[in-house]
Protein backbone atom coordinates (compact mmCIF):
# COMPACT_ATOMS: atom_id res chain seq x y z
CA MET A 1 0.04 -0.01 -0.01
CA THR A 2 3.03 2.33 -0.21
CA ASP A 3 1.51 3.91 -3.37
CA HIS A 4 -1.74 4.59 -1.47
CA PRO A 5 -0.76 6.35 1.77
CA HIS A 6 -4.22 7.57 2.75
CA LEU A 7 -5.77 4.14 2.44
CA ALA A 8 -2.70 2.65 4.16
CA ARG A 9 -3.36 4.86 7.19
CA LEU A 10 -6.95 3.68 7.32
CA ILE A 11 -5.82 0.00 7.29
CA GLU A 12 -3.33 0.83 10.05
CA ALA A 13 -6.09 2.40 12.12
CA ALA A 14 -8.39 -0.66 11.67
CA CYS A 15 -5.84 -3.39 12.31
CA PRO A 16 -5.98 -3.21 16.14
CA LEU A 17 -9.77 -3.71 16.10
CA PRO A 18 -11.25 -7.28 16.43
CA ALA A 19 -11.58 -9.12 13.17
CA LEU A 20 -15.07 -8.52 11.74
CA PRO A 21 -16.96 -11.74 10.94
CA THR A 22 -17.82 -11.26 7.28
CA ALA A 23 -19.93 -13.22 4.82
CA VAL A 24 -18.08 -13.06 1.45
CA VAL A 25 -20.48 -13.64 -1.44
CA ALA A 26 -19.18 -15.49 -4.50
CA PRO A 27 -15.41 -15.16 -4.11
CA GLU A 28 -15.19 -17.06 -7.35
CA ASN A 29 -12.23 -15.55 -9.09
CA ARG A 30 -8.63 -14.93 -8.14
CA ARG A 31 -9.01 -11.27 -7.25
CA SER A 32 -12.05 -11.56 -5.01
CA LEU A 33 -10.75 -14.57 -3.12
CA GLU A 34 -7.21 -13.14 -2.79
CA GLY A 35 -8.73 -9.85 -1.45
CA ALA A 36 -10.81 -11.65 1.15
CA LEU A 37 -7.86 -13.78 2.27
CA ALA A 38 -5.56 -10.75 2.38
CA ALA A 39 -8.07 -8.91 4.57
CA ARG A 40 -8.19 -12.02 6.77
CA ASP A 41 -4.37 -12.12 6.95
CA ALA A 42 -4.33 -8.46 7.96
CA GLY A 43 -6.61 -9.26 10.88
CA LEU A 44 -9.47 -7.18 9.50
CA ILE A 45 -12.11 -9.84 8.78
CA ALA A 46 -12.94 -13.40 9.74
CA PRO A 47 -14.47 -14.65 6.45
CA ILE A 48 -17.26 -17.09 5.75
CA LEU A 49 -17.17 -17.91 2.02
CA VAL A 50 -20.54 -18.36 0.35
CA GLY A 51 -20.67 -19.48 -3.27
CA LYS A 52 -19.54 -22.27 -5.62
CA ALA A 53 -17.32 -24.35 -3.41
CA GLY A 54 -15.55 -26.05 -6.32
CA LEU A 55 -14.49 -22.74 -7.91
CA ILE A 56 -13.50 -21.29 -4.54
CA THR A 57 -11.36 -24.30 -3.77
CA GLU A 58 -9.78 -24.20 -7.25
CA PHE A 59 -8.74 -20.58 -6.96
CA ALA A 60 -7.49 -21.14 -3.42
CA ARG A 61 -5.29 -23.90 -4.80
CA ASP A 62 -4.01 -21.53 -7.51
CA LEU A 63 -3.15 -19.03 -4.76
CA GLY A 64 -1.42 -21.64 -2.66
CA ALA A 65 -3.82 -20.84 0.16
CA SER A 66 -5.41 -23.22 2.61
CA LEU A 67 -9.11 -22.99 3.45
CA ASP A 68 -8.92 -25.49 6.28
CA ASP A 69 -9.83 -22.92 8.95
CA ILE A 70 -12.48 -21.10 6.85
CA GLU A 71 -16.13 -22.15 6.48
CA VAL A 72 -17.20 -22.50 2.88
CA ILE A 73 -20.98 -22.71 2.17
CA ASP A 74 -21.63 -24.23 -1.21
CA ILE A 75 -24.33 -22.33 -3.10
CA ALA A 76 -24.09 -22.14 -6.91
CA ASP A 77 -26.71 -19.46 -7.58
CA HIS A 78 -25.56 -15.93 -6.96
CA PRO A 79 -28.88 -14.45 -5.73
CA ALA A 80 -29.23 -17.40 -3.38
CA ALA A 81 -25.67 -16.92 -2.10
CA ALA A 82 -26.42 -13.26 -1.48
CA ALA A 83 -29.56 -14.22 0.45
CA ARG A 84 -27.59 -16.74 2.51
CA ALA A 85 -25.01 -14.10 3.37
CA VAL A 86 -27.80 -11.80 4.64
CA ALA A 87 -29.20 -14.68 6.64
CA LEU A 88 -25.83 -15.18 8.31
CA VAL A 89 -26.11 -11.60 9.60
CA HIS A 90 -29.57 -12.20 11.03
CA GLU A 91 -28.30 -15.39 12.67
CA GLY A 92 -25.58 -13.32 14.41
CA ARG A 93 -22.78 -15.19 12.61
CA ALA A 94 -21.66 -12.25 10.43
CA GLY A 95 -21.20 -8.60 11.22
CA ALA A 96 -20.57 -7.52 7.59
CA VAL A 97 -21.14 -8.64 3.98
CA MET A 98 -18.51 -8.49 1.25
CA LYS A 99 -19.12 -8.58 -2.47
CA GLY A 100 -17.12 -11.07 -4.46
CA HIS A 101 -17.33 -11.89 -8.16
CA LEU A 102 -21.03 -11.21 -8.83
CA ARG A 103 -23.18 -8.42 -10.17
CA THR A 104 -23.79 -5.57 -7.77
CA HIS A 105 -27.50 -5.90 -8.53
CA ASP A 106 -27.62 -9.49 -7.31
CA LEU A 107 -26.01 -8.55 -4.00
CA LEU A 108 -27.95 -5.36 -3.37
CA GLU A 109 -31.30 -6.97 -4.16
CA ALA A 110 -30.76 -9.20 -1.06
CA ILE A 111 -29.43 -6.28 1.01
CA VAL A 112 -32.28 -3.85 0.37
CA HIS A 113 -35.12 -6.37 0.39
CA ARG A 114 -37.88 -5.11 2.71
CA ASP A 115 -38.42 -8.58 4.19
CA GLY A 116 -35.27 -10.10 5.53
CA GLY A 117 -32.80 -7.61 4.08
CA LEU A 118 -30.34 -5.46 5.94
CA ARG A 119 -32.24 -2.14 6.00
CA GLY A 120 -31.31 0.17 8.86
CA PRO A 121 -33.40 2.95 10.35
CA GLY A 122 -32.41 5.38 7.61
CA ARG A 123 -31.60 5.25 3.92
CA MET A 124 -28.65 3.25 2.64
CA SER A 125 -25.98 4.82 0.46
CA HIS A 126 -22.63 3.99 -0.93
CA VAL A 127 -19.34 5.80 -0.30
CA PHE A 128 -16.08 5.51 -2.16
CA VAL A 129 -12.94 6.60 -0.29
CA MET A 130 -10.46 7.70 -2.86
CA ASP A 131 -6.70 7.90 -2.58
CA ILE A 132 -5.93 10.49 -5.33
CA ARG A 133 -2.41 11.42 -6.35
CA GLY A 134 -1.57 15.03 -5.56
CA ILE A 135 -4.28 15.45 -2.85
CA ASP A 136 -3.10 15.43 0.73
CA ARG A 137 -6.14 13.64 2.18
CA PRO A 138 -8.59 10.92 1.31
CA VAL A 139 -11.60 12.12 -0.66
CA LEU A 140 -15.06 10.52 -0.20
CA ILE A 141 -17.47 10.31 -3.18
CA THR A 142 -21.14 9.57 -2.66
CA ASP A 143 -23.38 8.15 -4.07
CA ALA A 144 -21.91 6.56 -7.17
CA ALA A 145 -23.28 3.05 -6.74
CA LEU A 146 -26.65 2.73 -4.99
CA ASN A 147 -29.12 5.66 -5.22
CA VAL A 148 -29.82 6.37 -8.89
CA ALA A 149 -31.57 9.78 -8.98
CA PRO A 150 -31.79 10.99 -5.37
CA ASP A 151 -34.22 13.76 -4.46
CA LEU A 152 -33.51 16.37 -1.80
CA ALA A 153 -34.54 14.20 1.16
CA CYS A 154 -32.43 11.30 -0.18
CA LYS A 155 -29.45 13.58 -0.71
CA ALA A 156 -29.75 14.75 2.90
CA SER A 157 -29.52 11.17 4.06
CA ILE A 158 -26.63 10.48 1.72
CA ALA A 159 -24.78 13.55 3.10
CA GLN A 160 -25.43 12.44 6.67
CA ASN A 161 -24.22 8.88 6.01
CA ALA A 162 -21.02 10.22 4.41
CA LEU A 163 -20.37 12.63 7.31
CA ASP A 164 -20.88 9.79 9.81
CA LEU A 165 -18.41 7.59 7.90
CA ALA A 166 -15.88 10.42 7.74
CA GLY A 167 -16.16 10.79 11.51
CA ALA A 168 -15.57 7.01 11.93
CA LEU A 169 -12.44 7.36 9.75
CA GLY A 170 -11.09 10.01 12.12
CA ILE A 171 -11.61 13.00 9.88
CA ALA A 172 -12.14 15.95 12.21
CA ALA A 173 -14.95 18.36 11.15
CA PRO A 174 -15.30 16.82 7.67
CA LYS A 175 -16.16 19.19 4.85
CA LEU A 176 -18.77 18.24 2.28
CA ALA A 177 -19.13 19.89 -1.12
CA ALA A 178 -22.55 19.45 -2.79
CA LEU A 179 -21.46 19.34 -6.43
CA SER A 180 -23.18 20.86 -9.40
CA ALA A 181 -22.12 22.47 -12.68
CA VAL A 182 -22.37 25.98 -11.28
CA THR A 183 -21.62 27.89 -8.07
CA VAL A 184 -24.75 30.02 -8.10
CA PRO A 185 -28.20 28.33 -7.97
CA VAL A 186 -29.86 28.23 -11.39
CA GLU A 187 -33.47 27.05 -11.87
CA ALA A 188 -32.50 25.20 -15.07
CA ILE A 189 -30.03 23.04 -13.07
CA PRO A 190 -32.02 21.35 -10.26
CA SER A 191 -28.89 19.93 -8.59
CA SER A 192 -27.72 23.50 -7.94
CA LEU A 193 -30.96 24.30 -6.08
CA GLU A 194 -30.75 21.12 -4.03
CA ALA A 195 -27.10 21.74 -3.19
CA GLU A 196 -28.00 25.19 -1.88
CA GLU A 197 -30.76 23.71 0.27
CA LEU A 198 -28.44 21.03 1.66
CA ALA A 199 -26.12 23.79 2.87
CA ARG A 200 -29.09 25.50 4.46
CA MET A 201 -30.19 22.26 6.17
CA ALA A 202 -26.70 21.87 7.65
CA GLY A 203 -26.84 25.44 8.86
CA ARG A 204 -30.11 24.68 10.60
CA GLY A 205 -28.68 21.54 12.23
CA GLU A 206 -30.70 19.09 10.13
CA ILE A 207 -27.47 17.63 8.77
CA THR A 208 -24.77 17.22 11.47
CA GLY A 209 -21.20 16.16 11.93
CA GLY A 210 -19.42 18.48 9.53
CA LEU A 211 -19.61 21.48 7.21
CA VAL A 212 -21.65 21.59 4.02
CA GLN A 213 -21.28 24.05 1.12
CA GLY A 214 -23.02 24.19 -2.23
CA PRO A 215 -23.58 24.42 -5.04
CA MET A 216 -19.95 23.89 -5.84
CA ALA A 217 -18.14 22.90 -9.02
CA MET A 218 -15.64 20.07 -8.87
CA ASP A 219 -12.53 22.19 -9.32
CA LEU A 220 -13.56 24.61 -6.56
CA ALA A 221 -14.17 21.80 -4.15
CA LEU A 222 -10.66 20.34 -4.41
CA SER A 223 -8.42 23.23 -5.61
CA ALA A 224 -7.76 26.14 -3.31
CA ASP A 225 -6.08 27.91 -6.25
CA ALA A 226 -9.17 27.55 -8.43
CA ALA A 227 -11.37 28.85 -5.60
CA ARG A 228 -9.10 31.78 -5.08
CA VAL A 229 -8.92 32.72 -8.77
CA LYS A 230 -12.75 32.51 -9.14
CA GLY A 231 -13.34 34.44 -5.87
CA ILE A 232 -15.09 31.60 -4.14
CA ASP A 233 -14.65 31.45 -0.35
CA GLY A 234 -16.27 29.53 2.48
CA PRO A 235 -15.12 26.74 4.75
CA VAL A 236 -15.26 23.97 2.17
CA ALA A 237 -13.80 25.69 -0.92
CA GLY A 238 -10.60 23.93 -1.97
CA LEU A 239 -10.70 21.78 1.13
CA ALA A 240 -13.49 19.29 0.56
CA ASP A 241 -13.26 15.86 2.22
CA ILE A 242 -16.54 14.65 0.71
CA LEU A 243 -17.95 15.16 -2.75
CA LEU A 244 -21.71 14.67 -2.95
CA VAL A 245 -22.54 14.05 -6.62
CA PRO A 246 -25.92 14.97 -8.28
CA ASP A 247 -26.78 11.42 -9.37
CA ILE A 248 -25.36 7.96 -9.90
CA GLU A 249 -24.35 8.71 -13.54
CA SER A 250 -22.12 11.66 -12.66
CA GLY A 251 -20.74 9.77 -9.65
CA ASN A 252 -19.97 6.73 -11.66
CA ILE A 253 -18.22 8.74 -14.35
CA LEU A 254 -16.21 10.75 -11.70
CA PHE A 255 -15.14 7.58 -9.89
CA LYS A 256 -14.08 5.73 -13.06
CA ALA A 257 -12.27 8.78 -14.47
CA LEU A 258 -10.23 9.12 -11.27
CA THR A 259 -9.36 5.42 -11.10
CA HIS A 260 -8.66 4.73 -14.81
CA LEU A 261 -7.25 8.07 -15.96
CA ALA A 262 -5.73 9.64 -12.80
CA GLY A 263 -4.39 6.47 -11.12
CA ALA A 264 -6.52 6.77 -8.04
CA THR A 265 -7.43 3.80 -5.84
CA ALA A 266 -10.76 3.48 -4.07
CA ALA A 267 -12.21 1.59 -1.16
CA GLY A 268 -15.97 1.25 -1.07
CA VAL A 269 -18.66 0.55 1.50
CA VAL A 270 -22.43 0.76 1.86
CA VAL A 271 -23.42 2.64 4.99
CA GLY A 272 -26.86 3.01 6.57
CA ALA A 273 -27.54 -0.70 6.52
CA SER A 274 -27.79 -2.75 9.74
CA VAL A 275 -24.16 -3.85 9.07
CA PRO A 276 -21.47 -2.52 6.71
CA VAL A 277 -21.54 -3.89 3.17
CA ILE A 278 -18.08 -4.04 1.54
CA LEU A 279 -18.86 -3.16 -2.04
CA THR A 280 -16.08 -2.97 -4.61
CA SER A 281 -15.88 -3.32 -8.35
CA ARG A 282 -15.25 -6.79 -9.78
CA THR A 283 -12.11 -5.35 -11.40
CA ASP A 284 -10.68 -3.99 -8.12
CA GLY A 285 -7.41 -5.50 -6.92
CA VAL A 286 -6.28 -6.63 -3.54
CA PRO A 287 -5.39 -3.20 -2.15
CA ALA A 288 -8.88 -1.87 -2.79
CA ARG A 289 -10.51 -4.92 -1.22
CA VAL A 290 -8.31 -4.79 1.91
CA ALA A 291 -8.89 -1.08 2.36
CA SER A 292 -12.64 -1.61 1.92
CA SER A 293 -12.49 -4.10 4.72
CA ALA A 294 -10.77 -1.54 6.88
CA LEU A 295 -13.60 0.94 6.18
CA ALA A 296 -16.11 -1.66 7.35
CA CYS A 297 -14.17 -2.34 10.54
CA LEU A 298 -13.88 1.38 11.44
CA TYR A 299 -17.56 2.03 10.64
CA ALA A 300 -18.71 -1.00 12.61
CA ALA A 301 -16.59 0.03 15.57
CA ARG A 302 -18.09 3.53 15.49
CA ALA A 303 -21.62 2.01 15.36
CA ARG A 304 -20.80 -0.15 18.42
């Protein structure tokens, strides 16, 4: 993790915590199984592997890893494996769920199910924690994976979830930028009006745990020089810890542009559920999966 110092610090902070019992759904390729085992070896999780036992065993053999001390539950169907992982939480055997090599939809369908899912008292949302070259802090992006076209009430919940996670990661007084294409509210751009209202809600104490400013363009959120040149001030300008995106499309594009074009690495977790859900891309490597496990450990510890 020497190339990802911000994520490395999060892993270091989580390592002293007790290993989190985690149901790993469909670790049926090399990357997903290796990531789960690496998180186990780091002392972050105690995995229960749920999926096609033959494939899991085959990839373990390729990795030269023993599964003798790990429970493997043989379920071939991905939706059924996801449902079994959720059931392990309800049985008290797992305190987190980790995505392996399956579609996000198949996992989330079991997580968000109204009967027997993992819904918490509020709305669930996803947060990426990005280690971006040239930025002296981790940057959280939300929601680029779960809520498709959030309205104002949903965005308020997304903001609160991200601020809560930032606090669990040890970020003091986290700063959230509600992103839009403009810095002055414009009726033709609804996200700018919602961003302004989110800032007002924080000012009224309806969103707590940090500072909120918006609407704010991407460059002004992360670049103090850009904010200074454009005459934008405020407590978040150029210093944002959290980027709240207008919708899942803009968030997905931003996340993938940072990872594939700017060399960033991301950890990902769903917050607001009854337990943390470690949610990474199927293409993510071991560092992202281990760092995501660290996020879950820190968030679970804060919840306890």
